[in-house]
Amino acid sequence: GGREVTLFDSASMPLAEQIKLFEGADAVVGTHGAGLANAMFCRKGSVLLELLPQQLARASISQIFWHVSTGMGLVHVTFVVPHELMEKDTPTSLHNFRVPVKQVTDALLSLLPPPPPPPP
């Protein structure tokens, strides 16, 4: 029994479908930004793993989604993306980066309960 992963693009999904998607999510992984505001629709106890560029780690805005998560009863974890994984000198450099997939996946799985066993 594995887990289902859904890729999400708010521009291509009506709000009602976005709400339903987030209400059903055990976890949400996303880049720091407005798209994480949908976490307010997650169930209490869901996990929000925020990918935060290192250059924002000390900015006051870095705590926004921690506050949202705490207020909504979510488990919030920040994964700080180091400078060396960021695209250099582009207009969208704060949203263009690579993450160590195994490290992020392991962190996320450590926060989730085991999936239910498959039916007999």
PDB file of N, CA and C in Angstrom:
ATOM      1  N   GLY A   1       0.798  -1.176   0.000  1.00  0.00           N
ATOM      2  CA  GLY A   1       0.000   0.000   0.000  1.00  0.00           C
ATOM      3  C   GLY A   1       0.845   1.247   0.000  1.00  0.00           C
ATOM      4  N   GLY A   2       0.920   1.911  -1.145  1.00  0.00           N
ATOM      5  CA  GLY A   2       1.649   3.169  -1.235  1.00  0.00           C
ATOM      6  C   GLY A   2       0.736   4.353  -1.019  1.00  0.00           C
ATOM      7  N   ARG A   3       1.226   5.473  -1.406  1.00  0.00           N
ATOM      8  CA  ARG A   3       0.463   6.708  -1.256  1.00  0.00           C
ATOM      9  C   ARG A   3       0.220   7.309  -2.633  1.00  0.00           C
ATOM     10  N   GLU A   4      -0.881   8.003  -2.759  1.00  0.00           N
ATOM     11  CA  GLU A   4      -1.212   8.680  -4.008  1.00  0.00           C
ATOM     12  C   GLU A   4      -0.660  10.098  -3.968  1.00  0.00           C
ATOM     13  N   VAL A   5      -0.063  10.524  -5.062  1.00  0.00           N
ATOM     14  CA  VAL A   5       0.458  11.884  -5.176  1.00  0.00           C
ATOM     15  C   VAL A   5      -0.326  12.592  -6.271  1.00  0.00           C
ATOM     16  N   THR A   6      -0.807  13.785  -5.980  1.00  0.00           N
ATOM     17  CA  THR A   6      -1.545  14.584  -6.948  1.00  0.00           C
ATOM     18  C   THR A   6      -0.789  15.874  -7.185  1.00  0.00           C
ATOM     19  N   LEU A   7      -0.456  16.143  -8.445  1.00  0.00           N
ATOM     20  CA  LEU A   7       0.154  17.426  -8.789  1.00  0.00           C
ATOM     21  C   LEU A   7      -0.956  18.452  -8.910  1.00  0.00           C
ATOM     22  N   PHE A   8      -0.691  19.651  -8.435  1.00  0.00           N
ATOM     23  CA  PHE A   8      -1.729  20.669  -8.317  1.00  0.00           C
ATOM     24  C   PHE A   8      -1.291  21.961  -8.993  1.00  0.00           C
ATOM     25  N   ASP A   9      -2.185  22.511  -9.799  1.00  0.00           N
ATOM     26  CA  ASP A   9      -1.967  23.808 -10.439  1.00  0.00           C
ATOM     27  C   ASP A   9      -3.241  24.618 -10.249  1.00  0.00           C
ATOM     28  N   SER A  10      -3.181  25.624  -9.393  1.00  0.00           N
ATOM     29  CA  SER A  10      -4.387  26.377  -9.053  1.00  0.00           C
ATOM     30  C   SER A  10      -4.995  27.092 -10.256  1.00  0.00           C
ATOM     31  N   ALA A  11      -4.197  27.438 -11.239  1.00  0.00           N
ATOM     32  CA  ALA A  11      -4.709  28.160 -12.408  1.00  0.00           C
ATOM     33  C   ALA A  11      -5.639  27.304 -13.252  1.00  0.00           C
ATOM     34  N   SER A  12      -5.499  25.983 -13.168  1.00  0.00           N
ATOM     35  CA  SER A  12      -6.296  25.114 -14.034  1.00  0.00           C
ATOM     36  C   SER A  12      -7.403  24.365 -13.283  1.00  0.00           C
ATOM     37  N   MET A  13      -7.669  24.760 -12.038  1.00  0.00           N
ATOM     38  CA  MET A  13      -8.658  24.031 -11.245  1.00  0.00           C
ATOM     39  C   MET A  13      -9.634  24.997 -10.588  1.00  0.00           C
ATOM     40  N   PRO A  14     -10.938  24.778 -10.760  1.00  0.00           N
ATOM     41  CA  PRO A  14     -11.928  25.628 -10.094  1.00  0.00           C
ATOM     42  C   PRO A  14     -11.776  25.558  -8.571  1.00  0.00           C
ATOM     43  N   LEU A  15     -12.149  26.627  -7.891  1.00  0.00           N
ATOM     44  CA  LEU A  15     -11.979  26.717  -6.440  1.00  0.00           C
ATOM     45  C   LEU A  15     -12.642  25.561  -5.706  1.00  0.00           C
ATOM     46  N   ALA A  16     -13.844  25.175  -6.097  1.00  0.00           N
ATOM     47  CA  ALA A  16     -14.533  24.077  -5.401  1.00  0.00           C
ATOM     48  C   ALA A  16     -13.717  22.790  -5.467  1.00  0.00           C
ATOM     49  N   GLU A  17     -13.072  22.521  -6.602  1.00  0.00           N
ATOM     50  CA  GLU A  17     -12.232  21.324  -6.727  1.00  0.00           C
ATOM     51  C   GLU A  17     -10.959  21.460  -5.888  1.00  0.00           C
ATOM     52  N   GLN A  18     -10.418  22.686  -5.809  1.00  0.00           N
ATOM     53  CA  GLN A  18      -9.238  22.919  -4.971  1.00  0.00           C
ATOM     54  C   GLN A  18      -9.558  22.618  -3.518  1.00  0.00           C
ATOM     55  N   ILE A  19     -10.691  23.100  -3.053  1.00  0.00           N
ATOM     56  CA  ILE A  19     -11.097  22.872  -1.661  1.00  0.00           C
ATOM     57  C   ILE A  19     -11.232  21.376  -1.396  1.00  0.00           C
ATOM     58  N   LYS A  20     -11.895  20.652  -2.307  1.00  0.00           N
ATOM     59  CA  LYS A  20     -12.081  19.210  -2.142  1.00  0.00           C
ATOM     60  C   LYS A  20     -10.732  18.492  -2.112  1.00  0.00           C
ATOM     61  N   LEU A  21      -9.815  18.888  -2.990  1.00  0.00           N
ATOM     62  CA  LEU A  21      -8.492  18.262  -3.044  1.00  0.00           C
ATOM     63  C   LEU A  21      -7.754  18.447  -1.718  1.00  0.00           C
ATOM     64  N   PHE A  22      -7.734  19.674  -1.200  1.00  0.00           N
ATOM     65  CA  PHE A  22      -7.008  19.953   0.037  1.00  0.00           C
ATOM     66  C   PHE A  22      -7.699  19.344   1.251  1.00  0.00           C
ATOM     67  N   GLU A  23      -9.036  19.279   1.242  1.00  0.00           N
ATOM     68  CA  GLU A  23      -9.752  18.628   2.348  1.00  0.00           C
ATOM     69  C   GLU A  23      -9.389  17.145   2.448  1.00  0.00           C
ATOM     70  N   GLY A  24      -9.077  16.531   1.317  1.00  0.00           N
ATOM     71  CA  GLY A  24      -8.766  15.108   1.304  1.00  0.00           C
ATOM     72  C   GLY A  24      -7.291  14.778   1.443  1.00  0.00           C
ATOM     73  N   ALA A  25      -6.453  15.787   1.514  1.00  0.00           N
ATOM     74  CA  ALA A  25      -5.004  15.549   1.540  1.00  0.00           C
ATOM     75  C   ALA A  25      -4.507  15.195   2.934  1.00  0.00           C
ATOM     76  N   ASP A  26      -3.704  14.147   3.006  1.00  0.00           N
ATOM     77  CA  ASP A  26      -3.006  13.824   4.258  1.00  0.00           C
ATOM     78  C   ASP A  26      -1.807  14.751   4.430  1.00  0.00           C
ATOM     79  N   ALA A  27      -1.259  15.187   3.294  1.00  0.00           N
ATOM     80  CA  ALA A  27      -0.090  16.062   3.323  1.00  0.00           C
ATOM     81  C   ALA A  27      -0.086  16.945   2.086  1.00  0.00           C
ATOM     82  N   VAL A  28       0.510  18.101   2.237  1.00  0.00           N
ATOM     83  CA  VAL A  28       0.711  19.039   1.132  1.00  0.00           C
ATOM     84  C   VAL A  28       2.180  19.434   1.153  1.00  0.00           C
ATOM     85  N   VAL A  29       2.807  19.366  -0.012  1.00  0.00           N
ATOM     86  CA  VAL A  29       4.194  19.808  -0.174  1.00  0.00           C
ATOM     87  C   VAL A  29       4.173  20.903  -1.210  1.00  0.00           C
ATOM     88  N   GLY A  30       4.754  22.058  -0.877  1.00  0.00           N
ATOM     89  CA  GLY A  30       4.761  23.144  -1.850  1.00  0.00           C
ATOM     90  C   GLY A  30       5.755  24.221  -1.516  1.00  0.00           C
ATOM     91  N   THR A  31       6.005  25.021  -2.528  1.00  0.00           N
ATOM     92  CA  THR A  31       6.908  26.152  -2.403  1.00  0.00           C
ATOM     93  C   THR A  31       6.251  27.272  -1.608  1.00  0.00           C
ATOM     94  N   HIS A  32       7.021  27.940  -0.775  1.00  0.00           N
ATOM     95  CA  HIS A  32       6.527  29.108  -0.048  1.00  0.00           C
ATOM     96  C   HIS A  32       5.909  30.064  -1.058  1.00  0.00           C
ATOM     97  N   GLY A  33       4.667  30.449  -0.828  1.00  0.00           N
ATOM     98  CA  GLY A  33       3.988  31.376  -1.722  1.00  0.00           C
ATOM     99  C   GLY A  33       2.484  31.254  -1.564  1.00  0.00           C
ATOM    100  N   ALA A  34       1.775  32.041  -2.347  1.00  0.00           N
ATOM    101  CA  ALA A  34       0.321  32.155  -2.221  1.00  0.00           C
ATOM    102  C   ALA A  34      -0.405  30.824  -2.385  1.00  0.00           C
ATOM    103  N   GLY A  35       0.142  29.908  -3.194  1.00  0.00           N
ATOM    104  CA  GLY A  35      -0.518  28.621  -3.394  1.00  0.00           C
ATOM    105  C   GLY A  35      -0.687  27.820  -2.116  1.00  0.00           C
ATOM    106  N   LEU A  36       0.176  28.047  -1.130  1.00  0.00           N
ATOM    107  CA  LEU A  36       0.046  27.319   0.136  1.00  0.00           C
ATOM    108  C   LEU A  36      -1.120  27.827   0.984  1.00  0.00           C
ATOM    109  N   ALA A  37      -1.729  28.929   0.591  1.00  0.00           N
ATOM    110  CA  ALA A  37      -2.890  29.426   1.343  1.00  0.00           C
ATOM    111  C   ALA A  37      -4.022  28.401   1.331  1.00  0.00           C
ATOM    112  N   ASN A  38      -4.058  27.541   0.314  1.00  0.00           N
ATOM    113  CA  ASN A  38      -5.080  26.488   0.269  1.00  0.00           C
ATOM    114  C   ASN A  38      -4.962  25.512   1.428  1.00  0.00           C
ATOM    115  N   ALA A  39      -3.861  25.549   2.145  1.00  0.00           N
ATOM    116  CA  ALA A  39      -3.711  24.679   3.314  1.00  0.00           C
ATOM    117  C   ALA A  39      -4.808  24.937   4.342  1.00  0.00           C
ATOM    118  N   MET A  40      -5.432  26.106   4.284  1.00  0.00           N
ATOM    119  CA  MET A  40      -6.516  26.393   5.228  1.00  0.00           C
ATOM    120  C   MET A  40      -7.691  25.441   5.047  1.00  0.00           C
ATOM    121  N   PHE A  41      -7.730  24.729   3.916  1.00  0.00           N
ATOM    122  CA  PHE A  41      -8.812  23.773   3.677  1.00  0.00           C
ATOM    123  C   PHE A  41      -8.454  22.354   4.111  1.00  0.00           C
ATOM    124  N   CYS A  42      -7.226  22.133   4.565  1.00  0.00           N
ATOM    125  CA  CYS A  42      -6.799  20.794   5.007  1.00  0.00           C
ATOM    126  C   CYS A  42      -7.473  20.412   6.317  1.00  0.00           C
ATOM    127  N   ARG A  43      -7.574  19.109   6.518  1.00  0.00           N
ATOM    128  CA  ARG A  43      -8.116  18.590   7.776  1.00  0.00           C
ATOM    129  C   ARG A  43      -7.107  18.800   8.904  1.00  0.00           C
ATOM    130  N   LYS A  44      -7.617  18.952  10.103  1.00  0.00           N
ATOM    131  CA  LYS A  44      -6.758  19.023  11.285  1.00  0.00           C
ATOM    132  C   LYS A  44      -5.877  17.779  11.319  1.00  0.00           C
ATOM    133  N   GLY A  45      -4.583  17.972  11.594  1.00  0.00           N
ATOM    134  CA  GLY A  45      -3.640  16.871  11.660  1.00  0.00           C
ATOM    135  C   GLY A  45      -2.910  16.601  10.353  1.00  0.00           C
ATOM    136  N   SER A  46      -3.362  17.206   9.244  1.00  0.00           N
ATOM    137  CA  SER A  46      -2.651  17.044   7.974  1.00  0.00           C
ATOM    138  C   SER A  46      -1.280  17.707   8.083  1.00  0.00           C
ATOM    139  N   VAL A  47      -0.369  17.290   7.210  1.00  0.00           N
ATOM    140  CA  VAL A  47       1.003  17.800   7.211  1.00  0.00           C
ATOM    141  C   VAL A  47       1.172  18.819   6.096  1.00  0.00           C
ATOM    142  N   LEU A  48       1.795  19.947   6.412  1.00  0.00           N
ATOM    143  CA  LEU A  48       2.188  20.937   5.412  1.00  0.00           C
ATOM    144  C   LEU A  48       3.711  21.013   5.425  1.00  0.00           C
ATOM    145  N   LEU A  49       4.332  20.560   4.339  1.00  0.00           N
ATOM    146  CA  LEU A  49       5.779  20.635   4.199  1.00  0.00           C
ATOM    147  C   LEU A  49       6.073  21.771   3.220  1.00  0.00           C
ATOM    148  N   GLU A  50       6.618  22.829   3.762  1.00  0.00           N
ATOM    149  CA  GLU A  50       6.882  24.052   3.003  1.00  0.00           C
ATOM    150  C   GLU A  50       8.331  24.075   2.522  1.00  0.00           C
ATOM    151  N   LEU A  51       8.512  24.262   1.219  1.00  0.00           N
ATOM    152  CA  LEU A  51       9.844  24.395   0.633  1.00  0.00           C
ATOM    153  C   LEU A  51      10.183  25.882   0.617  1.00  0.00           C
ATOM    154  N   LEU A  52      11.145  26.275   1.434  1.00  0.00           N
ATOM    155  CA  LEU A  52      11.464  27.684   1.631  1.00  0.00           C
ATOM    156  C   LEU A  52      12.879  27.985   1.150  1.00  0.00           C
ATOM    157  N   PRO A  53      13.026  28.837   0.133  1.00  0.00           N
ATOM    158  CA  PRO A  53      14.372  29.218  -0.304  1.00  0.00           C
ATOM    159  C   PRO A  53      15.172  29.816   0.855  1.00  0.00           C
ATOM    160  N   GLN A  54      16.437  29.440   0.940  1.00  0.00           N
ATOM    161  CA  GLN A  54      17.292  29.874   2.038  1.00  0.00           C
ATOM    162  C   GLN A  54      17.322  31.393   2.178  1.00  0.00           C
ATOM    163  N   GLN A  55      17.286  32.112   1.048  1.00  0.00           N
ATOM    164  CA  GLN A  55      17.359  33.566   1.163  1.00  0.00           C
ATOM    165  C   GLN A  55      16.126  34.174   1.834  1.00  0.00           C
ATOM    166  N   LEU A  56      15.055  33.397   2.017  1.00  0.00           N
ATOM    167  CA  LEU A  56      13.870  33.891   2.732  1.00  0.00           C
ATOM    168  C   LEU A  56      13.810  33.394   4.176  1.00  0.00           C
ATOM    169  N   ALA A  57      14.722  32.526   4.557  1.00  0.00           N
ATOM    170  CA  ALA A  57      14.622  31.857   5.855  1.00  0.00           C
ATOM    171  C   ALA A  57      14.625  32.822   7.040  1.00  0.00           C
ATOM    172  N   ARG A  58      15.264  33.957   6.915  1.00  0.00           N
ATOM    173  CA  ARG A  58      15.299  34.910   8.038  1.00  0.00           C
ATOM    174  C   ARG A  58      14.313  36.058   7.868  1.00  0.00           C
ATOM    175  N   ALA A  59      13.585  36.067   6.764  1.00  0.00           N
ATOM    176  CA  ALA A  59      12.608  37.132   6.523  1.00  0.00           C
ATOM    177  C   ALA A  59      11.369  36.896   7.379  1.00  0.00           C
ATOM    178  N   SER A  60      10.703  37.977   7.740  1.00  0.00           N
ATOM    179  CA  SER A  60       9.504  37.848   8.572  1.00  0.00           C
ATOM    180  C   SER A  60       8.418  37.043   7.860  1.00  0.00           C
ATOM    181  N   ILE A  61       8.388  37.073   6.532  1.00  0.00           N
ATOM    182  CA  ILE A  61       7.359  36.321   5.804  1.00  0.00           C
ATOM    183  C   ILE A  61       7.551  34.812   5.896  1.00  0.00           C
ATOM    184  N   SER A  62       8.710  34.373   6.345  1.00  0.00           N
ATOM    185  CA  SER A  62       8.967  32.935   6.408  1.00  0.00           C
ATOM    186  C   SER A  62       8.066  32.220   7.412  1.00  0.00           C
ATOM    187  N   GLN A  63       7.416  32.957   8.303  1.00  0.00           N
ATOM    188  CA  GLN A  63       6.577  32.354   9.348  1.00  0.00           C
ATOM    189  C   GLN A  63       5.090  32.325   9.006  1.00  0.00           C
ATOM    190  N   ILE A  64       4.723  32.878   7.858  1.00  0.00           N
ATOM    191  CA  ILE A  64       3.300  32.991   7.515  1.00  0.00           C
ATOM    192  C   ILE A  64       2.592  31.642   7.587  1.00  0.00           C
ATOM    193  N   PHE A  65       3.153  30.628   6.920  1.00  0.00           N
ATOM    194  CA  PHE A  65       2.444  29.348   6.836  1.00  0.00           C
ATOM    195  C   PHE A  65       2.575  28.526   8.116  1.00  0.00           C
ATOM    196  N   TRP A  66       3.556  28.849   8.950  1.00  0.00           N
ATOM    197  CA  TRP A  66       3.593  28.257  10.284  1.00  0.00           C
ATOM    198  C   TRP A  66       2.381  28.758  11.066  1.00  0.00           C
ATOM    199  N   HIS A  67       2.090  30.058  10.969  1.00  0.00           N
ATOM    200  CA  HIS A  67       0.929  30.623  11.673  1.00  0.00           C
ATOM    201  C   HIS A  67      -0.373  30.021  11.152  1.00  0.00           C
ATOM    202  N   VAL A  68      -0.512  29.918   9.820  1.00  0.00           N
ATOM    203  CA  VAL A  68      -1.714  29.309   9.233  1.00  0.00           C
ATOM    204  C   VAL A  68      -1.862  27.875   9.746  1.00  0.00           C
ATOM    205  N   SER A  69      -0.764  27.126   9.694  1.00  0.00           N
ATOM    206  CA  SER A  69      -0.800  25.719  10.118  1.00  0.00           C
ATOM    207  C   SER A  69      -1.182  25.586  11.585  1.00  0.00           C
ATOM    208  N   THR A  70      -0.555  26.380  12.429  1.00  0.00           N
ATOM    209  CA  THR A  70      -0.832  26.317  13.863  1.00  0.00           C
ATOM    210  C   THR A  70      -2.301  26.646  14.138  1.00  0.00           C
ATOM    211  N   GLY A  71      -2.792  27.677  13.484  1.00  0.00           N
ATOM    212  CA  GLY A  71      -4.191  28.068  13.674  1.00  0.00           C
ATOM    213  C   GLY A  71      -5.180  27.021  13.186  1.00  0.00           C
ATOM    214  N   MET A  72      -4.789  26.239  12.185  1.00  0.00           N
ATOM    215  CA  MET A  72      -5.679  25.236  11.601  1.00  0.00           C
ATOM    216  C   MET A  72      -5.459  23.834  12.169  1.00  0.00           C
ATOM    217  N   GLY A  73      -4.483  23.685  13.067  1.00  0.00           N
ATOM    218  CA  GLY A  73      -4.218  22.373  13.654  1.00  0.00           C
ATOM    219  C   GLY A  73      -3.453  21.441  12.732  1.00  0.00           C
ATOM    220  N   LEU A  74      -2.650  22.018  11.837  1.00  0.00           N
ATOM    221  CA  LEU A  74      -1.839  21.219  10.919  1.00  0.00           C
ATOM    222  C   LEU A  74      -0.444  21.017  11.495  1.00  0.00           C
ATOM    223  N   VAL A  75       0.243  20.006  10.992  1.00  0.00           N
ATOM    224  CA  VAL A  75       1.651  19.790  11.322  1.00  0.00           C
ATOM    225  C   VAL A  75       2.444  20.529  10.249  1.00  0.00           C
ATOM    226  N   HIS A  76       3.246  21.496  10.654  1.00  0.00           N
ATOM    227  CA  HIS A  76       4.021  22.295   9.694  1.00  0.00           C
ATOM    228  C   HIS A  76       5.497  21.983   9.820  1.00  0.00           C
ATOM    229  N   VAL A  77       6.125  21.748   8.664  1.00  0.00           N
ATOM    230  CA  VAL A  77       7.564  21.528   8.608  1.00  0.00           C
ATOM    231  C   VAL A  77       8.105  22.392   7.485  1.00  0.00           C
ATOM    232  N   THR A  78       9.218  23.055   7.756  1.00  0.00           N
ATOM    233  CA  THR A  78       9.878  23.853   6.725  1.00  0.00           C
ATOM    234  C   THR A  78      11.132  23.131   6.265  1.00  0.00           C
ATOM    235  N   PHE A  79      11.250  22.950   4.958  1.00  0.00           N
ATOM    236  CA  PHE A  79      12.481  22.428   4.368  1.00  0.00           C
ATOM    237  C   PHE A  79      13.164  23.608   3.698  1.00  0.00           C
ATOM    238  N   VAL A  80      14.290  24.029   4.255  1.00  0.00           N
ATOM    239  CA  VAL A  80      15.014  25.172   3.694  1.00  0.00           C
ATOM    240  C   VAL A  80      15.851  24.687   2.514  1.00  0.00           C
ATOM    241  N   VAL A  81      15.594  25.286   1.354  1.00  0.00           N
ATOM    242  CA  VAL A  81      16.309  24.931   0.131  1.00  0.00           C
ATOM    243  C   VAL A  81      17.603  25.738   0.094  1.00  0.00           C
ATOM    244  N   PRO A  82      18.764  25.066   0.143  1.00  0.00           N
ATOM    245  CA  PRO A  82      20.037  25.792   0.181  1.00  0.00           C
ATOM    246  C   PRO A  82      20.326  26.529  -1.123  1.00  0.00           C
ATOM    247  N   HIS A  83      21.132  27.590  -1.001  1.00  0.00           N
ATOM    248  CA  HIS A  83      21.470  28.437  -2.148  1.00  0.00           C
ATOM    249  C   HIS A  83      21.941  27.632  -3.352  1.00  0.00           C
ATOM    250  N   GLU A  84      22.744  26.603  -3.106  1.00  0.00           N
ATOM    251  CA  GLU A  84      23.336  25.865  -4.231  1.00  0.00           C
ATOM    252  C   GLU A  84      22.309  25.092  -5.062  1.00  0.00           C
ATOM    253  N   LEU A  85      21.079  24.935  -4.565  1.00  0.00           N
ATOM    254  CA  LEU A  85      20.043  24.250  -5.329  1.00  0.00           C
ATOM    255  C   LEU A  85      19.113  25.216  -6.055  1.00  0.00           C
ATOM    256  N   MET A  86      19.379  26.514  -5.925  1.00  0.00           N
ATOM    257  CA  MET A  86      18.559  27.541  -6.564  1.00  0.00           C
ATOM    258  C   MET A  86      19.091  27.855  -7.957  1.00  0.00           C
ATOM    259  N   GLU A  87      18.174  28.177  -8.881  1.00  0.00           N
ATOM    260  CA  GLU A  87      18.593  28.693 -10.187  1.00  0.00           C
ATOM    261  C   GLU A  87      19.149  30.088  -9.969  1.00  0.00           C
ATOM    262  N   LYS A  88      20.193  30.404 -10.673  1.00  0.00           N
ATOM    263  CA  LYS A  88      20.873  31.688 -10.466  1.00  0.00           C
ATOM    264  C   LYS A  88      20.323  32.785 -11.381  1.00  0.00           C
ATOM    265  N   ASP A  89      20.159  33.962 -10.818  1.00  0.00           N
ATOM    266  CA  ASP A  89      19.895  35.191 -11.567  1.00  0.00           C
ATOM    267  C   ASP A  89      18.792  35.091 -12.608  1.00  0.00           C
ATOM    268  N   THR A  90      17.649  34.576 -12.208  1.00  0.00           N
ATOM    269  CA  THR A  90      16.497  34.585 -13.101  1.00  0.00           C
ATOM    270  C   THR A  90      15.365  35.313 -12.389  1.00  0.00           C
ATOM    271  N   PRO A  91      14.414  35.875 -13.146  1.00  0.00           N
ATOM    272  CA  PRO A  91      13.307  36.591 -12.501  1.00  0.00           C
ATOM    273  C   PRO A  91      12.478  35.720 -11.558  1.00  0.00           C
ATOM    274  N   THR A  92      12.494  34.422 -11.787  1.00  0.00           N
ATOM    275  CA  THR A  92      11.706  33.521 -10.936  1.00  0.00           C
ATOM    276  C   THR A  92      12.613  32.646 -10.071  1.00  0.00           C
ATOM    277  N   SER A  93      13.790  33.132  -9.758  1.00  0.00           N
ATOM    278  CA  SER A  93      14.771  32.294  -9.060  1.00  0.00           C
ATOM    279  C   SER A  93      14.293  31.801  -7.700  1.00  0.00           C
ATOM    280  N   LEU A  94      13.385  32.507  -7.053  1.00  0.00           N
ATOM    281  CA  LEU A  94      12.900  32.034  -5.756  1.00  0.00           C
ATOM    282  C   LEU A  94      11.962  30.833  -5.891  1.00  0.00           C
ATOM    283  N   HIS A  95      11.512  30.552  -7.098  1.00  0.00           N
ATOM    284  CA  HIS A  95      10.624  29.410  -7.310  1.00  0.00           C
ATOM    285  C   HIS A  95      11.217  28.378  -8.252  1.00  0.00           C
ATOM    286  N   ASN A  96      12.449  28.569  -8.664  1.00  0.00           N
ATOM    287  CA  ASN A  96      13.126  27.607  -9.535  1.00  0.00           C
ATOM    288  C   ASN A  96      14.289  26.985  -8.772  1.00  0.00           C
ATOM    289  N   PHE A  97      14.059  25.783  -8.297  1.00  0.00           N
ATOM    290  CA  PHE A  97      15.105  25.106  -7.543  1.00  0.00           C
ATOM    291  C   PHE A  97      14.888  23.605  -7.601  1.00  0.00           C
ATOM    292  N   ARG A  98      15.901  22.903  -7.214  1.00  0.00           N
ATOM    293  CA  ARG A  98      15.837  21.446  -7.080  1.00  0.00           C
ATOM    294  C   ARG A  98      15.811  21.128  -5.584  1.00  0.00           C
ATOM    295  N   VAL A  99      15.221  20.012  -5.261  1.00  0.00           N
ATOM    296  CA  VAL A  99      15.272  19.551  -3.870  1.00  0.00           C
ATOM    297  C   VAL A  99      15.813  18.130  -3.863  1.00  0.00           C
ATOM    298  N   PRO A 100      16.504  17.752  -2.797  1.00  0.00           N
ATOM    299  CA  PRO A 100      16.937  16.356  -2.672  1.00  0.00           C
ATOM    300  C   PRO A 100      15.701  15.498  -2.395  1.00  0.00           C
ATOM    301  N   VAL A 101      15.208  14.838  -3.423  1.00  0.00           N
ATOM    302  CA  VAL A 101      13.923  14.143  -3.359  1.00  0.00           C
ATOM    303  C   VAL A 101      13.875  13.128  -2.216  1.00  0.00           C
ATOM    304  N   LYS A 102      14.896  12.319  -2.061  1.00  0.00           N
ATOM    305  CA  LYS A 102      14.879  11.305  -1.001  1.00  0.00           C
ATOM    306  C   LYS A 102      14.805  11.957   0.380  1.00  0.00           C
ATOM    307  N   GLN A 103      15.557  13.027   0.583  1.00  0.00           N
ATOM    308  CA  GLN A 103      15.553  13.705   1.880  1.00  0.00           C
ATOM    309  C   GLN A 103      14.176  14.300   2.181  1.00  0.00           C
ATOM    310  N   VAL A 104      13.569  14.942   1.201  1.00  0.00           N
ATOM    311  CA  VAL A 104      12.242  15.538   1.403  1.00  0.00           C
ATOM    312  C   VAL A 104      11.198  14.437   1.597  1.00  0.00           C
ATOM    313  N   THR A 105      11.273  13.389   0.786  1.00  0.00           N
ATOM    314  CA  THR A 105      10.329  12.274   0.911  1.00  0.00           C
ATOM    315  C   THR A 105      10.448  11.600   2.270  1.00  0.00           C
ATOM    316  N   ASP A 106      11.675  11.344   2.705  1.00  0.00           N
ATOM    317  CA  ASP A 106      11.879  10.711   4.021  1.00  0.00           C
ATOM    318  C   ASP A 106      11.323  11.590   5.142  1.00  0.00           C
ATOM    319  N   ALA A 107      11.552  12.910   5.041  1.00  0.00           N
ATOM    320  CA  ALA A 107      11.025  13.831   6.060  1.00  0.00           C
ATOM    321  C   ALA A 107       9.500  13.779   6.089  1.00  0.00           C
ATOM    322  N   LEU A 108       8.900  13.783   4.915  1.00  0.00           N
ATOM    323  CA  LEU A 108       7.441  13.749   4.836  1.00  0.00           C
ATOM    324  C   LEU A 108       6.891  12.435   5.383  1.00  0.00           C
ATOM    325  N   LEU A 109       7.458  11.322   4.960  1.00  0.00           N
ATOM    326  CA  LEU A 109       6.962  10.020   5.419  1.00  0.00           C
ATOM    327  C   LEU A 109       7.124   9.836   6.922  1.00  0.00           C
ATOM    328  N   SER A 110       8.144  10.462   7.510  1.00  0.00           N
ATOM    329  CA  SER A 110       8.337  10.341   8.960  1.00  0.00           C
ATOM    330  C   SER A 110       7.229  11.055   9.740  1.00  0.00           C
ATOM    331  N   LEU A 111       6.528  11.953   9.093  1.00  0.00           N
ATOM    332  CA  LEU A 111       5.462  12.720   9.749  1.00  0.00           C
ATOM    333  C   LEU A 111       4.074  12.119   9.549  1.00  0.00           C
ATOM    334  N   LEU A 112       3.964  11.184   8.612  1.00  0.00           N
ATOM    335  CA  LEU A 112       2.653  10.603   8.286  1.00  0.00           C
ATOM    336  C   LEU A 112       2.488   9.250   8.975  1.00  0.00           C
ATOM    337  N   PRO A 113       1.268   8.924   9.352  1.00  0.00           N
ATOM    338  CA  PRO A 113       1.035   7.571   9.858  1.00  0.00           C
ATOM    339  C   PRO A 113       1.226   6.588   8.710  1.00  0.00           C
ATOM    340  N   PRO A 114       1.514   5.324   9.014  1.00  0.00           N
ATOM    341  CA  PRO A 114       1.655   4.350   7.930  1.00  0.00           C
ATOM    342  C   PRO A 114       0.357   4.234   7.138  1.00  0.00           C
ATOM    343  N   PRO A 115       0.469   3.967   5.832  1.00  0.00           N
ATOM    344  CA  PRO A 115      -0.770   3.799   5.064  1.00  0.00           C
ATOM    345  C   PRO A 115      -1.520   2.556   5.531  1.00  0.00           C
ATOM    346  N   PRO A 116      -2.829   2.550   5.353  1.00  0.00           N
ATOM    347  CA  PRO A 116      -3.590   1.349   5.766  1.00  0.00           C
ATOM    348  C   PRO A 116      -3.195   0.167   4.898  1.00  0.00           C
ATOM    349  N   PRO A 117      -3.282  -1.046   5.469  1.00  0.00           N
ATOM    350  CA  PRO A 117      -2.940  -2.217   4.666  1.00  0.00           C
ATOM    351  C   PRO A 117      -3.971  -2.412   3.556  1.00  0.00           C
ATOM    352  N   PRO A 118      -3.560  -3.057   2.469  1.00  0.00           N
ATOM    353  CA  PRO A 118      -4.526  -3.315   1.397  1.00  0.00           C
ATOM    354  C   PRO A 118      -5.609  -4.283   1.877  1.00  0.00           C
ATOM    355  N   PRO A 119      -6.793  -4.163   1.295  1.00  0.00           N
ATOM    356  CA  PRO A 119      -7.861  -5.085   1.719  1.00  0.00           C
ATOM    357  C   PRO A 119      -7.506  -6.522   1.351  1.00  0.00           C
ATOM    358  N   PRO A 120      -7.991  -7.464   2.161  1.00  0.00           N
ATOM    359  CA  PRO A 120      -7.662  -8.894   1.905  1.00  0.00           C
ATOM    360  C   PRO A 120      -8.279  -9.402   0.617  1.00  0.00           C
TER     361      PRO A 120
END
